[in-house]
Amino acid sequence: MGLEEALKADPPCLPRACAIQDCLLKNQYNESKCSHLIDALYECCAEFYRRRGKAAKSVCCPSESLLQLKISQRRKETGGAVLKETKQR
């Protein structure tokens, strides 16, 4: 699912969160097989906060500050960029 569609879902980013759950079920909860979907969710959440502000809420997204921490941790784990940068306004 594209980013715009995921952002328009109710709640925002739900399709990407559900894709992670489906992937984990199919892969006996082996997170490494679903990391690309986690990155996609984080991309959606980052854009959600960029558009709606840091105080915005979606049950599918961690708080904005926790999201930034998670993205930073994933970059360190992989030795580089994990997802596309979303420019802050």
N, C-alpha and C. Protein backbone atom coordinates (compact mmCIF):
# COMPACT_ATOMS: atom_id res chain seq x y z
N MET A 1 0.85 -1.18 0.00
CA MET A 1 0.00 0.00 0.00
C MET A 1 0.89 1.23 0.00
N GLY A 2 0.47 2.22 -0.77
CA GLY A 2 1.23 3.46 -0.87
C GLY A 2 1.11 4.31 0.38
N LEU A 3 2.03 5.24 0.50
CA LEU A 3 2.08 6.11 1.68
C LEU A 3 0.81 6.94 1.81
N GLU A 4 0.34 7.54 0.72
CA GLU A 4 -0.86 8.39 0.80
C GLU A 4 -2.08 7.60 1.26
N GLU A 5 -2.23 6.39 0.73
CA GLU A 5 -3.36 5.54 1.14
C GLU A 5 -3.26 5.19 2.62
N ALA A 6 -2.06 4.87 3.06
CA ALA A 6 -1.85 4.50 4.47
C ALA A 6 -2.16 5.67 5.39
N LEU A 7 -1.80 6.87 4.96
CA LEU A 7 -2.05 8.06 5.77
C LEU A 7 -3.54 8.40 5.83
N LYS A 8 -4.30 8.04 4.80
CA LYS A 8 -5.72 8.34 4.75
C LYS A 8 -6.57 7.30 5.49
N ALA A 9 -5.95 6.20 5.87
CA ALA A 9 -6.67 5.14 6.58
C ALA A 9 -7.14 5.66 7.95
N ASP A 10 -8.11 4.97 8.51
CA ASP A 10 -8.60 5.34 9.83
C ASP A 10 -8.45 4.14 10.76
N PRO A 11 -7.53 4.20 11.68
CA PRO A 11 -6.59 5.27 12.00
C PRO A 11 -5.42 5.30 11.02
N PRO A 12 -4.74 6.46 10.95
CA PRO A 12 -3.61 6.59 10.03
C PRO A 12 -2.56 5.50 10.25
N CYS A 13 -2.05 4.98 9.16
CA CYS A 13 -0.98 3.97 9.11
C CYS A 13 -1.44 2.57 9.48
N LEU A 14 -2.73 2.36 9.69
CA LEU A 14 -3.26 1.05 10.06
C LEU A 14 -2.88 -0.06 9.08
N PRO A 15 -2.99 0.14 7.76
CA PRO A 15 -2.64 -0.95 6.85
C PRO A 15 -1.20 -1.43 7.01
N ARG A 16 -0.31 -0.48 7.30
CA ARG A 16 1.10 -0.86 7.46
C ARG A 16 1.33 -1.59 8.78
N ALA A 17 0.62 -1.20 9.82
CA ALA A 17 0.72 -1.90 11.10
C ALA A 17 0.17 -3.33 10.97
N CYS A 18 -0.94 -3.47 10.26
CA CYS A 18 -1.54 -4.79 10.05
C CYS A 18 -0.62 -5.68 9.20
N ALA A 19 0.08 -5.09 8.25
CA ALA A 19 1.00 -5.87 7.41
C ALA A 19 2.12 -6.48 8.25
N ILE A 20 2.56 -5.75 9.27
CA ILE A 20 3.59 -6.28 10.17
C ILE A 20 3.04 -7.49 10.92
N GLN A 21 1.84 -7.36 11.45
CA GLN A 21 1.24 -8.48 12.19
C GLN A 21 1.07 -9.71 11.31
N ASP A 22 0.61 -9.51 10.08
CA ASP A 22 0.44 -10.63 9.15
C ASP A 22 1.78 -11.29 8.86
N CYS A 23 2.80 -10.49 8.64
CA CYS A 23 4.13 -11.00 8.34
C CYS A 23 4.69 -11.79 9.52
N LEU A 24 4.54 -11.25 10.72
CA LEU A 24 5.03 -11.95 11.91
C LEU A 24 4.34 -13.30 12.08
N LEU A 25 3.04 -13.33 11.85
CA LEU A 25 2.30 -14.60 11.95
C LEU A 25 2.81 -15.62 10.94
N LYS A 26 3.03 -15.17 9.70
CA LYS A 26 3.50 -16.07 8.65
C LYS A 26 4.91 -16.58 8.88
N ASN A 27 5.70 -15.81 9.62
CA ASN A 27 7.11 -16.13 9.80
C ASN A 27 7.46 -16.51 11.24
N GLN A 28 6.52 -17.08 11.96
CA GLN A 28 6.72 -17.55 13.33
C GLN A 28 7.39 -16.47 14.20
N TYR A 29 6.94 -15.25 14.04
CA TYR A 29 7.39 -14.10 14.83
C TYR A 29 8.89 -13.80 14.68
N ASN A 30 9.45 -14.15 13.53
CA ASN A 30 10.84 -13.81 13.23
C ASN A 30 10.86 -12.39 12.68
N GLU A 31 11.17 -11.42 13.55
CA GLU A 31 11.10 -10.00 13.20
C GLU A 31 12.01 -9.64 12.03
N SER A 32 13.14 -10.32 11.88
CA SER A 32 14.07 -9.98 10.81
C SER A 32 13.44 -10.18 9.42
N LYS A 33 12.47 -11.08 9.32
CA LYS A 33 11.80 -11.30 8.03
C LYS A 33 10.78 -10.22 7.72
N CYS A 34 10.47 -9.38 8.70
CA CYS A 34 9.46 -8.34 8.52
C CYS A 34 10.03 -6.94 8.68
N SER A 35 11.34 -6.82 8.75
CA SER A 35 11.94 -5.51 9.03
C SER A 35 11.59 -4.46 7.98
N HIS A 36 11.43 -4.87 6.73
CA HIS A 36 11.06 -3.91 5.69
C HIS A 36 9.67 -3.32 5.95
N LEU A 37 8.80 -4.11 6.56
CA LEU A 37 7.46 -3.61 6.89
C LEU A 37 7.49 -2.69 8.11
N ILE A 38 8.38 -2.96 9.03
CA ILE A 38 8.56 -2.07 10.18
C ILE A 38 9.07 -0.72 9.69
N ASP A 39 10.02 -0.75 8.77
CA ASP A 39 10.53 0.49 8.17
C ASP A 39 9.41 1.26 7.46
N ALA A 40 8.54 0.53 6.77
CA ALA A 40 7.42 1.17 6.07
C ALA A 40 6.46 1.83 7.06
N LEU A 41 6.20 1.16 8.19
CA LEU A 41 5.35 1.76 9.21
C LEU A 41 6.01 3.02 9.76
N TYR A 42 7.28 2.95 10.06
CA TYR A 42 7.99 4.12 10.59
C TYR A 42 7.97 5.27 9.59
N GLU A 43 8.08 4.95 8.31
CA GLU A 43 8.00 5.98 7.27
C GLU A 43 6.63 6.65 7.32
N CYS A 44 5.58 5.86 7.43
CA CYS A 44 4.22 6.39 7.49
C CYS A 44 4.04 7.26 8.73
N CYS A 45 4.50 6.77 9.86
CA CYS A 45 4.35 7.52 11.11
C CYS A 45 5.14 8.83 11.07
N ALA A 46 6.34 8.80 10.51
CA ALA A 46 7.14 10.02 10.42
C ALA A 46 6.42 11.07 9.57
N GLU A 47 5.83 10.63 8.47
CA GLU A 47 5.08 11.55 7.61
C GLU A 47 3.81 12.02 8.31
N PHE A 48 3.16 11.15 9.04
CA PHE A 48 1.97 11.51 9.82
C PHE A 48 2.30 12.66 10.77
N TYR A 49 3.40 12.53 11.51
CA TYR A 49 3.78 13.59 12.45
C TYR A 49 4.25 14.85 11.72
N ARG A 50 4.91 14.67 10.59
CA ARG A 50 5.35 15.84 9.82
C ARG A 50 4.14 16.68 9.39
N ARG A 51 3.09 16.00 8.97
CA ARG A 51 1.90 16.71 8.48
C ARG A 51 1.00 17.23 9.59
N ARG A 52 0.88 16.48 10.68
CA ARG A 52 -0.10 16.83 11.71
C ARG A 52 0.51 17.39 12.99
N GLY A 53 1.82 17.36 13.09
CA GLY A 53 2.48 17.90 14.27
C GLY A 53 2.84 16.82 15.28
N LYS A 54 3.78 17.14 16.14
CA LYS A 54 4.32 16.18 17.09
C LYS A 54 3.29 15.69 18.11
N ALA A 55 2.26 16.46 18.34
CA ALA A 55 1.24 16.09 19.33
C ALA A 55 0.13 15.21 18.74
N ALA A 56 0.17 14.95 17.44
CA ALA A 56 -0.86 14.13 16.80
C ALA A 56 -0.84 12.72 17.39
N LYS A 57 -1.95 12.01 17.25
CA LYS A 57 -2.07 10.67 17.82
C LYS A 57 -2.62 9.69 16.79
N SER A 58 -2.02 8.52 16.75
CA SER A 58 -2.55 7.39 15.99
C SER A 58 -2.18 6.14 16.79
N VAL A 59 -3.14 5.26 17.00
CA VAL A 59 -2.85 4.04 17.77
C VAL A 59 -1.82 3.16 17.07
N CYS A 60 -1.58 3.42 15.81
CA CYS A 60 -0.63 2.62 15.03
C CYS A 60 0.81 3.11 15.13
N CYS A 61 0.99 4.29 15.69
CA CYS A 61 2.31 4.91 15.74
C CYS A 61 2.77 5.15 17.17
N PRO A 62 4.06 4.93 17.42
CA PRO A 62 4.59 5.33 18.73
C PRO A 62 4.59 6.85 18.81
N SER A 63 4.78 7.39 20.01
CA SER A 63 4.87 8.85 20.13
C SER A 63 5.98 9.35 19.21
N GLU A 64 5.92 10.61 18.84
CA GLU A 64 6.88 11.15 17.89
C GLU A 64 8.31 11.02 18.42
N SER A 65 8.52 11.29 19.70
CA SER A 65 9.88 11.21 20.25
C SER A 65 10.37 9.76 20.26
N LEU A 66 9.50 8.80 20.59
CA LEU A 66 9.89 7.40 20.56
C LEU A 66 10.14 6.93 19.13
N LEU A 67 9.35 7.41 18.19
CA LEU A 67 9.56 7.08 16.78
C LEU A 67 10.95 7.51 16.34
N GLN A 68 11.35 8.72 16.68
CA GLN A 68 12.67 9.21 16.29
C GLN A 68 13.77 8.35 16.90
N LEU A 69 13.58 7.93 18.15
CA LEU A 69 14.54 7.05 18.80
C LEU A 69 14.62 5.72 18.07
N LYS A 70 13.48 5.14 17.75
CA LYS A 70 13.44 3.85 17.05
C LYS A 70 14.12 3.93 15.68
N ILE A 71 13.85 5.01 14.95
CA ILE A 71 14.48 5.19 13.64
C ILE A 71 15.99 5.29 13.81
N SER A 72 16.44 6.05 14.79
CA SER A 72 17.87 6.19 15.06
C SER A 72 18.50 4.85 15.41
N GLN A 73 17.84 4.07 16.24
CA GLN A 73 18.35 2.74 16.62
C GLN A 73 18.45 1.83 15.41
N ARG A 74 17.44 1.87 14.55
CA ARG A 74 17.46 1.00 13.36
C ARG A 74 18.58 1.40 12.41
N ARG A 75 18.85 2.69 12.30
CA ARG A 75 19.97 3.13 11.46
C ARG A 75 21.29 2.61 11.99
N LYS A 76 21.47 2.66 13.31
CA LYS A 76 22.71 2.16 13.92
C LYS A 76 22.85 0.66 13.71
N GLU A 77 21.75 -0.06 13.83
CA GLU A 77 21.78 -1.52 13.66
C GLU A 77 22.15 -1.91 12.23
N THR A 78 21.68 -1.13 11.27
CA THR A 78 21.93 -1.48 9.87
C THR A 78 23.12 -0.75 9.27
N GLY A 79 23.70 0.17 10.04
CA GLY A 79 24.87 0.90 9.56
C GLY A 79 24.58 1.96 8.54
N GLY A 80 23.36 2.46 8.50
CA GLY A 80 23.03 3.51 7.54
C GLY A 80 21.56 3.85 7.55
N ALA A 81 21.13 4.48 6.47
CA ALA A 81 19.74 4.91 6.35
C ALA A 81 18.84 3.69 6.30
N VAL A 82 17.75 3.77 7.03
CA VAL A 82 16.79 2.68 7.06
C VAL A 82 15.56 3.04 6.24
N LEU A 83 15.13 4.26 6.36
CA LEU A 83 13.98 4.68 5.59
C LEU A 83 14.24 6.07 5.04
N LYS A 84 13.40 6.46 4.12
CA LYS A 84 13.55 7.76 3.50
C LYS A 84 13.40 8.85 4.55
N GLU A 85 14.23 9.85 4.44
CA GLU A 85 14.12 10.99 5.36
C GLU A 85 12.84 11.75 5.07
N THR A 86 12.18 12.17 6.11
CA THR A 86 11.01 13.04 5.96
C THR A 86 11.41 14.37 6.55
N LYS A 87 11.39 15.39 5.75
CA LYS A 87 11.83 16.69 6.21
C LYS A 87 10.84 17.27 7.20
N GLN A 88 11.39 17.85 8.27
CA GLN A 88 10.56 18.53 9.26
C GLN A 88 10.20 19.92 8.74
N ARG A 89 9.00 20.36 9.06
CA ARG A 89 8.58 21.70 8.65
C ARG A 89 9.16 22.73 9.55
